[in-house]
Every structure is written in C-alpha cells, then in structure tokens.
C-alpha cells in the first residue's frame, strides 16, 4: 500500500499510526523500521515499480489528422461530425 500510493512522510505516518491501532496490526517498533526504510529507499522503490510496469514497446512514430465539418451548397450536412485519425507505430525498446 505504501509503495503503490508513493506516500510522502506525512501520509506514511498517518497510515502507520492507523496500522498500529488496528487489532492484530503492527507494533510501534515495526512502524519505526518501516518509516526508516521508506525514508532511505522511497526513490529506489518507486523507480523499480515504474520500470516493472512499463511495456517493452516504445512509440517510434505518430501521425494524425482531423477531418472537420464541411458543407456543400448542393448537399445537406456533409461530414457533420469532426473525426480524428491517429496512427501510432510501436517498436521494441532499444531497437
């Protein structure tokens, strides 16, 4: 819960306080250890979670166009709805 929420120290303190008050929760000593660990390793844990959640593919190219509403004097409501067309090309990371 701490890592997925990327808690700052105030959030961590509130969370751990609630955990110590729960029946069967953690002790104050365990909360102190978690706090010390989180202070020293928060950036590393966050970086690791982000790297594990990325896809292996990367965006190589993107192109797009928007077709807007147009009228013709002999036809009613030609292209009445704007349409966006997006093309994305994916490639393997590092290739």
PDB file of N, CA and C in Angstrom:
ATOM      1  N   UNK A   1       0.821  -1.201   0.000  1.00  0.00           N
ATOM      2  CA  UNK A   1       0.000   0.000   0.000  1.00  0.00           C
ATOM      3  C   UNK A   1       0.861   1.259   0.000  1.00  0.00           C
ATOM      4  N   UNK A   2       1.929   1.238   0.761  1.00  0.00           N
ATOM      5  CA  UNK A   2       2.810   2.404   0.861  1.00  0.00           C
ATOM      6  C   UNK A   2       3.467   2.692  -0.484  1.00  0.00           C
ATOM      7  N   UNK A   3       3.994   1.650  -1.106  1.00  0.00           N
ATOM      8  CA  UNK A   3       4.707   1.824  -2.369  1.00  0.00           C
ATOM      9  C   UNK A   3       3.761   2.186  -3.506  1.00  0.00           C
ATOM     10  N   UNK A   4       2.621   1.521  -3.596  1.00  0.00           N
ATOM     11  CA  UNK A   4       1.714   1.806  -4.705  1.00  0.00           C
ATOM     12  C   UNK A   4       1.130   3.207  -4.622  1.00  0.00           C
ATOM     13  N   UNK A   5       0.967   3.734  -3.417  1.00  0.00           N
ATOM     14  CA  UNK A   5       0.463   5.102  -3.255  1.00  0.00           C
ATOM     15  C   UNK A   5       1.588   6.130  -3.293  1.00  0.00           C
ATOM     16  N   UNK A   6       2.843   5.671  -3.292  1.00  0.00           N
ATOM     17  CA  UNK A   6       4.019   6.554  -3.251  1.00  0.00           C
ATOM     18  C   UNK A   6       3.834   7.624  -2.170  1.00  0.00           C
ATOM     19  N   UNK A   7       3.584   7.158  -0.953  1.00  0.00           N
ATOM     20  CA  UNK A   7       3.258   8.041   0.168  1.00  0.00           C
ATOM     21  C   UNK A   7       4.413   8.951   0.544  1.00  0.00           C
ATOM     22  N   UNK A   8       4.070  10.207   0.843  1.00  0.00           N
ATOM     23  CA  UNK A   8       5.078  11.091   1.422  1.00  0.00           C
ATOM     24  C   UNK A   8       5.142  10.784   2.920  1.00  0.00           C
ATOM     25  N   UNK A   9       6.020  11.460   3.632  1.00  0.00           N
ATOM     26  CA  UNK A   9       6.232  11.117   5.043  1.00  0.00           C
ATOM     27  C   UNK A   9       5.004  11.391   5.914  1.00  0.00           C
ATOM     28  N   UNK A  10       4.233  12.417   5.612  1.00  0.00           N
ATOM     29  CA  UNK A  10       3.006  12.690   6.379  1.00  0.00           C
ATOM     30  C   UNK A  10       1.970  11.592   6.161  1.00  0.00           C
ATOM     31  N   UNK A  11       1.789  11.178   4.908  1.00  0.00           N
ATOM     32  CA  UNK A  11       0.855  10.100   4.615  1.00  0.00           C
ATOM     33  C   UNK A  11       1.316   8.807   5.262  1.00  0.00           C
ATOM     34  N   UNK A  12       2.627   8.548   5.208  1.00  0.00           N
ATOM     35  CA  UNK A  12       3.190   7.345   5.803  1.00  0.00           C
ATOM     36  C   UNK A  12       2.926   7.303   7.307  1.00  0.00           C
ATOM     37  N   UNK A  13       3.151   8.423   7.955  1.00  0.00           N
ATOM     38  CA  UNK A  13       2.929   8.484   9.398  1.00  0.00           C
ATOM     39  C   UNK A  13       1.464   8.201   9.746  1.00  0.00           C
ATOM     40  N   UNK A  14       0.544   8.803   9.016  1.00  0.00           N
ATOM     41  CA  UNK A  14      -0.887   8.576   9.256  1.00  0.00           C
ATOM     42  C   UNK A  14      -1.258   7.119   8.995  1.00  0.00           C
ATOM     43  N   UNK A  15      -0.734   6.561   7.918  1.00  0.00           N
ATOM     44  CA  UNK A  15      -1.024   5.169   7.581  1.00  0.00           C
ATOM     45  C   UNK A  15      -0.500   4.221   8.656  1.00  0.00           C
ATOM     46  N   UNK A  16       0.743   4.420   9.066  1.00  0.00           N
ATOM     47  CA  UNK A  16       1.339   3.531  10.067  1.00  0.00           C
ATOM     48  C   UNK A  16       0.669   3.689  11.435  1.00  0.00           C
ATOM     49  N   UNK A  17       0.264   4.897  11.776  1.00  0.00           N
ATOM     50  CA  UNK A  17      -0.457   5.109  13.032  1.00  0.00           C
ATOM     51  C   UNK A  17      -1.759   4.312  13.019  1.00  0.00           C
ATOM     52  N   UNK A  18      -2.462   4.354  11.897  1.00  0.00           N
ATOM     53  CA  UNK A  18      -3.698   3.584  11.782  1.00  0.00           C
ATOM     54  C   UNK A  18      -3.413   2.084  11.877  1.00  0.00           C
ATOM     55  N   UNK A  19      -2.305   1.649  11.299  1.00  0.00           N
ATOM     56  CA  UNK A  19      -1.964   0.226  11.346  1.00  0.00           C
ATOM     57  C   UNK A  19      -1.606  -0.239  12.758  1.00  0.00           C
ATOM     58  N   UNK A  20      -0.996   0.639  13.538  1.00  0.00           N
ATOM     59  CA  UNK A  20      -0.644   0.259  14.910  1.00  0.00           C
ATOM     60  C   UNK A  20      -1.880   0.180  15.809  1.00  0.00           C
ATOM     61  N   UNK A  21      -2.928   0.919  15.453  1.00  0.00           N
ATOM     62  CA  UNK A  21      -4.145   0.919  16.270  1.00  0.00           C
ATOM     63  C   UNK A  21      -5.105  -0.214  15.914  1.00  0.00           C
ATOM     64  N   UNK A  22      -4.881  -0.865  14.779  1.00  0.00           N
ATOM     65  CA  UNK A  22      -5.737  -1.973  14.372  1.00  0.00           C
ATOM     66  C   UNK A  22      -5.492  -3.186  15.254  1.00  0.00           C
ATOM     67  N   UNK A  23      -6.533  -3.936  15.562  1.00  0.00           N
ATOM     68  CA  UNK A  23      -6.305  -5.202  16.270  1.00  0.00           C
ATOM     69  C   UNK A  23      -5.498  -6.151  15.381  1.00  0.00           C
ATOM     70  N   UNK A  24      -4.411  -6.660  15.908  1.00  0.00           N
ATOM     71  CA  UNK A  24      -3.546  -7.541  15.122  1.00  0.00           C
ATOM     72  C   UNK A  24      -2.662  -6.791  14.151  1.00  0.00           C
ATOM     73  N   UNK A  25      -2.579  -5.473  14.304  1.00  0.00           N
ATOM     74  CA  UNK A  25      -1.757  -4.650  13.422  1.00  0.00           C
ATOM     75  C   UNK A  25      -0.282  -4.719  13.796  1.00  0.00           C
ATOM     76  N   UNK A  26       0.476  -3.761  13.319  1.00  0.00           N
ATOM     77  CA  UNK A  26       1.915  -3.750  13.577  1.00  0.00           C
ATOM     78  C   UNK A  26       2.215  -3.045  14.893  1.00  0.00           C
ATOM     79  N   UNK A  27       3.419  -3.275  15.409  1.00  0.00           N
ATOM     80  CA  UNK A  27       3.847  -2.613  16.648  1.00  0.00           C
ATOM     81  C   UNK A  27       4.478  -1.268  16.317  1.00  0.00           C
ATOM     82  N   UNK A  28       4.674  -0.460  17.330  1.00  0.00           N
ATOM     83  CA  UNK A  28       5.322   0.845  17.145  1.00  0.00           C
ATOM     84  C   UNK A  28       6.751   0.662  16.653  1.00  0.00           C
ATOM     85  N   UNK A  29       7.430  -0.392  17.114  1.00  0.00           N
ATOM     86  CA  UNK A  29       8.801  -0.659  16.669  1.00  0.00           C
ATOM     87  C   UNK A  29       8.828  -1.031  15.185  1.00  0.00           C
ATOM     88  N   UNK A  30       7.863  -1.825  14.750  1.00  0.00           N
ATOM     89  CA  UNK A  30       7.780  -2.189  13.335  1.00  0.00           C
ATOM     90  C   UNK A  30       7.481  -0.952  12.482  1.00  0.00           C
ATOM     91  N   UNK A  31       6.629  -0.094  12.978  1.00  0.00           N
ATOM     92  CA  UNK A  31       6.315   1.141  12.258  1.00  0.00           C
ATOM     93  C   UNK A  31       7.552   2.018  12.127  1.00  0.00           C
ATOM     94  N   UNK A  32       8.375   2.063  13.166  1.00  0.00           N
ATOM     95  CA  UNK A  32       9.606   2.859  13.110  1.00  0.00           C
ATOM     96  C   UNK A  32      10.572   2.296  12.075  1.00  0.00           C
ATOM     97  N   UNK A  33      10.658   0.969  11.981  1.00  0.00           N
ATOM     98  CA  UNK A  33      11.534   0.335  10.992  1.00  0.00           C
ATOM     99  C   UNK A  33      11.046   0.623   9.577  1.00  0.00           C
ATOM    100  N   UNK A  34       9.735   0.515   9.365  1.00  0.00           N
ATOM    101  CA  UNK A  34       9.165   0.806   8.047  1.00  0.00           C
ATOM    102  C   UNK A  34       9.418   2.262   7.672  1.00  0.00           C
ATOM    103  N   UNK A  35       9.251   3.171   8.625  1.00  0.00           N
ATOM    104  CA  UNK A  35       9.486   4.592   8.366  1.00  0.00           C
ATOM    105  C   UNK A  35      10.937   4.841   7.972  1.00  0.00           C
ATOM    106  N   UNK A  36      11.860   4.254   8.696  1.00  0.00           N
ATOM    107  CA  UNK A  36      13.278   4.434   8.386  1.00  0.00           C
ATOM    108  C   UNK A  36      13.596   3.875   7.000  1.00  0.00           C
ATOM    109  N   UNK A  37      13.084   2.680   6.695  1.00  0.00           N
ATOM    110  CA  UNK A  37      13.306   2.074   5.379  1.00  0.00           C
ATOM    111  C   UNK A  37      12.745   2.969   4.284  1.00  0.00           C
ATOM    112  N   UNK A  38      11.515   3.457   4.466  1.00  0.00           N
ATOM    113  CA  UNK A  38      10.864   4.266   3.435  1.00  0.00           C
ATOM    114  C   UNK A  38      11.607   5.581   3.207  1.00  0.00           C
ATOM    115  N   UNK A  39      12.117   6.197   4.275  1.00  0.00           N
ATOM    116  CA  UNK A  39      12.890   7.431   4.134  1.00  0.00           C
ATOM    117  C   UNK A  39      14.132   7.197   3.288  1.00  0.00           C
ATOM    118  N   UNK A  40      14.790   6.057   3.477  1.00  0.00           N
ATOM    119  CA  UNK A  40      16.049   5.768   2.779  1.00  0.00           C
ATOM    120  C   UNK A  40      15.868   5.191   1.383  1.00  0.00           C
ATOM    121  N   UNK A  41      14.740   4.533   1.112  1.00  0.00           N
ATOM    122  CA  UNK A  41      14.609   3.792  -0.136  1.00  0.00           C
ATOM    123  C   UNK A  41      13.388   4.140  -0.975  1.00  0.00           C
ATOM    124  N   UNK A  42      12.692   5.201  -0.634  1.00  0.00           N
ATOM    125  CA  UNK A  42      11.467   5.551  -1.360  1.00  0.00           C
ATOM    126  C   UNK A  42      11.721   5.734  -2.851  1.00  0.00           C
ATOM    127  N   UNK A  43      12.739   6.477  -3.217  1.00  0.00           N
ATOM    128  CA  UNK A  43      13.018   6.747  -4.633  1.00  0.00           C
ATOM    129  C   UNK A  43      13.353   5.465  -5.383  1.00  0.00           C
ATOM    130  N   UNK A  44      14.140   4.593  -4.762  1.00  0.00           N
ATOM    131  CA  UNK A  44      14.506   3.328  -5.419  1.00  0.00           C
ATOM    132  C   UNK A  44      13.293   2.434  -5.620  1.00  0.00           C
ATOM    133  N   UNK A  45      12.438   2.360  -4.618  1.00  0.00           N
ATOM    134  CA  UNK A  45      11.235   1.526  -4.717  1.00  0.00           C
ATOM    135  C   UNK A  45      10.323   2.063  -5.811  1.00  0.00           C
ATOM    136  N   UNK A  46      10.127   3.372  -5.841  1.00  0.00           N
ATOM    137  CA  UNK A  46       9.271   3.985  -6.858  1.00  0.00           C
ATOM    138  C   UNK A  46       9.828   3.726  -8.256  1.00  0.00           C
ATOM    139  N   UNK A  47      11.123   3.930  -8.427  1.00  0.00           N
ATOM    140  CA  UNK A  47      11.767   3.711  -9.728  1.00  0.00           C
ATOM    141  C   UNK A  47      11.597   2.257 -10.186  1.00  0.00           C
ATOM    142  N   UNK A  48      11.750   1.333  -9.274  1.00  0.00           N
ATOM    143  CA  UNK A  48      11.619  -0.091  -9.606  1.00  0.00           C
ATOM    144  C   UNK A  48      10.185  -0.432 -10.008  1.00  0.00           C
ATOM    145  N   UNK A  49       9.209   0.100  -9.283  1.00  0.00           N
ATOM    146  CA  UNK A  49       7.811  -0.149  -9.626  1.00  0.00           C
ATOM    147  C   UNK A  49       7.470   0.410 -11.007  1.00  0.00           C
ATOM    148  N   UNK A  50       7.964   1.592 -11.304  1.00  0.00           N
ATOM    149  CA  UNK A  50       7.698   2.204 -12.604  1.00  0.00           C
ATOM    150  C   UNK A  50       8.351   1.381 -13.714  1.00  0.00           C
ATOM    151  N   UNK A  51       9.593   0.951 -13.514  1.00  0.00           N
ATOM    152  CA  UNK A  51      10.273   0.186 -14.556  1.00  0.00           C
ATOM    153  C   UNK A  51       9.604  -1.162 -14.799  1.00  0.00           C
ATOM    154  N   UNK A  52       9.031  -1.761 -13.766  1.00  0.00           N
ATOM    155  CA  UNK A  52       8.362  -3.058 -13.920  1.00  0.00           C
ATOM    156  C   UNK A  52       6.979  -2.914 -14.553  1.00  0.00           C
ATOM    157  N   UNK A  53       6.408  -1.727 -14.530  1.00  0.00           N
ATOM    158  CA  UNK A  53       5.071  -1.549 -15.072  1.00  0.00           C
ATOM    159  C   UNK A  53       5.081  -1.066 -16.526  1.00  0.00           C
ATOM    160  N   UNK A  54       6.240  -0.783 -17.082  1.00  0.00           N
ATOM    161  CA  UNK A  54       6.314  -0.320 -18.471  1.00  0.00           C
ATOM    162  C   UNK A  54       6.222  -1.482 -19.436  1.00  0.00           C
ATOM    163  N   UNK A  55       5.672  -1.194 -20.599  1.00  0.00           N
ATOM    164  CA  UNK A  55       5.677  -2.174 -21.676  1.00  0.00           C
ATOM    165  C   UNK A  55       7.074  -2.215 -22.262  1.00  0.00           C
ATOM    166  N   UNK A  56       7.364  -3.289 -22.976  1.00  0.00           N
ATOM    167  CA  UNK A  56       8.652  -3.411 -23.638  1.00  0.00           C
ATOM    168  C   UNK A  56       8.682  -2.594 -24.928  1.00  0.00           C
ATOM    169  N   UNK A  57       7.511  -2.232 -25.430  1.00  0.00           N
ATOM    170  CA  UNK A  57       7.446  -1.481 -26.676  1.00  0.00           C
ATOM    171  C   UNK A  57       7.565   0.013 -26.419  1.00  0.00           C
ATOM    172  N   UNK A  58       8.051   0.724 -27.420  1.00  0.00           N
ATOM    173  CA  UNK A  58       8.156   2.182 -27.333  1.00  0.00           C
ATOM    174  C   UNK A  58       7.509   2.784 -28.579  1.00  0.00           C
ATOM    175  N   UNK A  59       7.099   4.014 -28.465  1.00  0.00           N
ATOM    176  CA  UNK A  59       6.491   4.720 -29.589  1.00  0.00           C
ATOM    177  C   UNK A  59       7.582   5.165 -30.548  1.00  0.00           C
ATOM    178  N   UNK A  60       7.513   4.690 -31.787  1.00  0.00           N
ATOM    179  CA  UNK A  60       8.505   5.049 -32.805  1.00  0.00           C
ATOM    180  C   UNK A  60       8.057   6.259 -33.623  1.00  0.00           C
ATOM    181  N   UNK A  61       6.764   6.295 -33.936  1.00  0.00           N
ATOM    182  CA  UNK A  61       6.272   7.339 -34.817  1.00  0.00           C
ATOM    183  C   UNK A  61       4.795   7.564 -34.545  1.00  0.00           C
ATOM    184  N   UNK A  62       4.349   8.783 -34.717  1.00  0.00           N
ATOM    185  CA  UNK A  62       2.923   9.083 -34.586  1.00  0.00           C
ATOM    186  C   UNK A  62       2.551  10.100 -35.660  1.00  0.00           C
ATOM    187  N   UNK A  63       1.416   9.878 -36.287  1.00  0.00           N
ATOM    188  CA  UNK A  63       0.894  10.852 -37.245  1.00  0.00           C
ATOM    189  C   UNK A  63      -0.603  10.973 -37.005  1.00  0.00           C
ATOM    190  N   UNK A  64      -1.161  12.125 -37.313  1.00  0.00           N
ATOM    191  CA  UNK A  64      -2.571  12.338 -37.039  1.00  0.00           C
ATOM    192  C   UNK A  64      -3.128  13.376 -37.987  1.00  0.00           C
ATOM    193  N   UNK A  65      -4.442  13.333 -38.125  1.00  0.00           N
ATOM    194  CA  UNK A  65      -5.148  14.363 -38.882  1.00  0.00           C
ATOM    195  C   UNK A  65      -6.543  14.508 -38.309  1.00  0.00           C
ATOM    196  N   UNK A  66      -7.137  15.648 -38.510  1.00  0.00           N
ATOM    197  CA  UNK A  66      -8.502  15.902 -38.051  1.00  0.00           C
ATOM    198  C   UNK A  66      -9.333  16.304 -39.263  1.00  0.00           C
ATOM    199  N   UNK A  67     -10.386  15.553 -39.502  1.00  0.00           N
ATOM    200  CA  UNK A  67     -11.328  15.894 -40.565  1.00  0.00           C
ATOM    201  C   UNK A  67     -12.439  16.723 -39.936  1.00  0.00           C
ATOM    202  N   UNK A  68     -12.558  17.960 -40.370  1.00  0.00           N
ATOM    203  CA  UNK A  68     -13.531  18.878 -39.784  1.00  0.00           C
ATOM    204  C   UNK A  68     -14.843  18.887 -40.546  1.00  0.00           C
ATOM    205  N   UNK A  69     -15.847  19.461 -39.934  1.00  0.00           N
ATOM    206  CA  UNK A  69     -17.166  19.588 -40.531  1.00  0.00           C
ATOM    207  C   UNK A  69     -17.078  20.443 -41.792  1.00  0.00           C
ATOM    208  N   UNK A  70     -17.753  19.990 -42.861  1.00  0.00           N
ATOM    209  CA  UNK A  70     -17.757  20.733 -44.116  1.00  0.00           C
ATOM    210  C   UNK A  70     -19.184  20.769 -44.672  1.00  0.00           C
ATOM    211  N   UNK A  71     -19.462  21.762 -45.454  1.00  0.00           N
ATOM    212  CA  UNK A  71     -20.773  21.880 -46.094  1.00  0.00           C
ATOM    213  C   UNK A  71     -20.580  22.031 -47.600  1.00  0.00           C
ATOM    214  N   UNK A  72     -21.565  21.572 -48.339  1.00  0.00           N
ATOM    215  CA  UNK A  72     -21.583  21.742 -49.789  1.00  0.00           C
ATOM    216  C   UNK A  72     -22.928  22.361 -50.121  1.00  0.00           C
ATOM    217  N   UNK A  73     -22.951  23.306 -51.024  1.00  0.00           N
ATOM    218  CA  UNK A  73     -24.199  24.010 -51.259  1.00  0.00           C
ATOM    219  C   UNK A  73     -25.295  23.133 -51.856  1.00  0.00           C
ATOM    220  N   UNK A  74     -24.918  21.978 -52.453  1.00  0.00           N
ATOM    221  CA  UNK A  74     -25.930  21.103 -53.046  1.00  0.00           C
ATOM    222  C   UNK A  74     -26.301  19.926 -52.137  1.00  0.00           C
ATOM    223  N   UNK A  75     -25.549  19.710 -51.057  1.00  0.00           N
ATOM    224  CA  UNK A  75     -25.825  18.594 -50.149  1.00  0.00           C
ATOM    225  C   UNK A  75     -26.018  19.117 -48.735  1.00  0.00           C
ATOM    226  N   UNK A  76     -26.868  18.442 -47.973  1.00  0.00           N
ATOM    227  CA  UNK A  76     -27.103  18.810 -46.587  1.00  0.00           C
ATOM    228  C   UNK A  76     -26.132  18.063 -45.672  1.00  0.00           C
ATOM    229  N   UNK A  77     -25.494  18.780 -44.787  1.00  0.00           N
ATOM    230  CA  UNK A  77     -24.682  18.203 -43.707  1.00  0.00           C
ATOM    231  C   UNK A  77     -23.686  17.135 -44.146  1.00  0.00           C
ATOM    232  N   UNK A  78     -22.821  17.503 -45.053  1.00  0.00           N
ATOM    233  CA  UNK A  78     -21.731  16.609 -45.436  1.00  0.00           C
ATOM    234  C   UNK A  78     -20.695  16.636 -44.309  1.00  0.00           C
ATOM    235  N   UNK A  79     -20.214  15.474 -43.878  1.00  0.00           N
ATOM    236  CA  UNK A  79     -19.219  15.374 -42.793  1.00  0.00           C
ATOM    237  C   UNK A  79     -19.668  16.169 -41.569  1.00  0.00           C
ATOM    238  N   UNK A  80     -20.777  15.796 -40.990  1.00  0.00           N
ATOM    239  CA  UNK A  80     -21.327  16.576 -39.890  1.00  0.00           C
ATOM    240  C   UNK A  80     -20.546  16.430 -38.586  1.00  0.00           C
ATOM    241  N   UNK A  81     -19.789  15.366 -38.422  1.00  0.00           N
ATOM    242  CA  UNK A  81     -19.065  15.144 -37.178  1.00  0.00           C
ATOM    243  C   UNK A  81     -17.561  15.198 -37.428  1.00  0.00           C
ATOM    244  N   UNK A  82     -16.818  16.010 -36.658  1.00  0.00           N
ATOM    245  CA  UNK A  82     -15.364  16.007 -36.804  1.00  0.00           C
ATOM    246  C   UNK A  82     -14.801  14.640 -36.397  1.00  0.00           C
ATOM    247  N   UNK A  83     -13.793  14.199 -37.108  1.00  0.00           N
ATOM    248  CA  UNK A  83     -13.182  12.901 -36.852  1.00  0.00           C
ATOM    249  C   UNK A  83     -11.680  13.082 -36.742  1.00  0.00           C
ATOM    250  N   UNK A  84     -11.078  12.473 -35.724  1.00  0.00           N
ATOM    251  CA  UNK A  84      -9.617  12.491 -35.585  1.00  0.00           C
ATOM    252  C   UNK A  84      -9.098  11.097 -35.903  1.00  0.00           C
ATOM    253  N   UNK A  85      -8.070  11.045 -36.730  1.00  0.00           N
ATOM    254  CA  UNK A  85      -7.441   9.775 -37.087  1.00  0.00           C
ATOM    255  C   UNK A  85      -6.009   9.821 -36.598  1.00  0.00           C
ATOM    256  N   UNK A  86      -5.633   8.822 -35.795  1.00  0.00           N
ATOM    257  CA  UNK A  86      -4.290   8.764 -35.221  1.00  0.00           C
ATOM    258  C   UNK A  86      -3.647   7.442 -35.625  1.00  0.00           C
ATOM    259  N   UNK A  87      -2.419   7.498 -36.121  1.00  0.00           N
ATOM    260  CA  UNK A  87      -1.658   6.294 -36.434  1.00  0.00           C
ATOM    261  C   UNK A  87      -0.421   6.279 -35.553  1.00  0.00           C
ATOM    262  N   UNK A  88      -0.203   5.152 -34.857  1.00  0.00           N
ATOM    263  CA  UNK A  88       0.971   5.019 -33.994  1.00  0.00           C
ATOM    264  C   UNK A  88       1.765   3.797 -34.413  1.00  0.00           C
ATOM    265  N   UNK A  89       3.060   3.949 -34.449  1.00  0.00           N
ATOM    266  CA  UNK A  89       3.957   2.839 -34.784  1.00  0.00           C
ATOM    267  C   UNK A  89       4.761   2.493 -33.536  1.00  0.00           C
ATOM    268  N   UNK A  90       4.672   1.238 -33.112  1.00  0.00           N
ATOM    269  CA  UNK A  90       5.402   0.779 -31.937  1.00  0.00           C
ATOM    270  C   UNK A  90       6.627  -0.016 -32.359  1.00  0.00           C
ATOM    271  N   UNK A  91       7.676   0.076 -31.569  1.00  0.00           N
ATOM    272  CA  UNK A  91       8.880  -0.702 -31.805  1.00  0.00           C
ATOM    273  C   UNK A  91       9.399  -1.262 -30.496  1.00  0.00           C
ATOM    274  N   UNK A  92      10.305  -2.204 -30.583  1.00  0.00           N
ATOM    275  CA  UNK A  92      10.902  -2.780 -29.384  1.00  0.00           C
ATOM    276  C   UNK A  92      11.842  -1.771 -28.754  1.00  0.00           C
ATOM    277  N   UNK A  93      11.875  -1.779 -27.422  1.00  0.00           N
ATOM    278  CA  UNK A  93      12.737  -0.883 -26.670  1.00  0.00           C
ATOM    279  C   UNK A  93      14.207  -1.161 -27.025  1.00  0.00           C
ATOM    280  N   UNK A  94      14.940  -0.135 -27.426  1.00  0.00           N
ATOM    281  CA  UNK A  94      16.354  -0.279 -27.741  1.00  0.00           C
ATOM    282  C   UNK A  94      16.625  -0.687 -29.170  1.00  0.00           C
ATOM    283  N   UNK A  95      15.605  -0.793 -29.998  1.00  0.00           N
ATOM    284  CA  UNK A  95      15.806  -1.178 -31.410  1.00  0.00           C
ATOM    285  C   UNK A  95      15.236  -0.112 -32.315  1.00  0.00           C
TER     286      UNK A  95
END
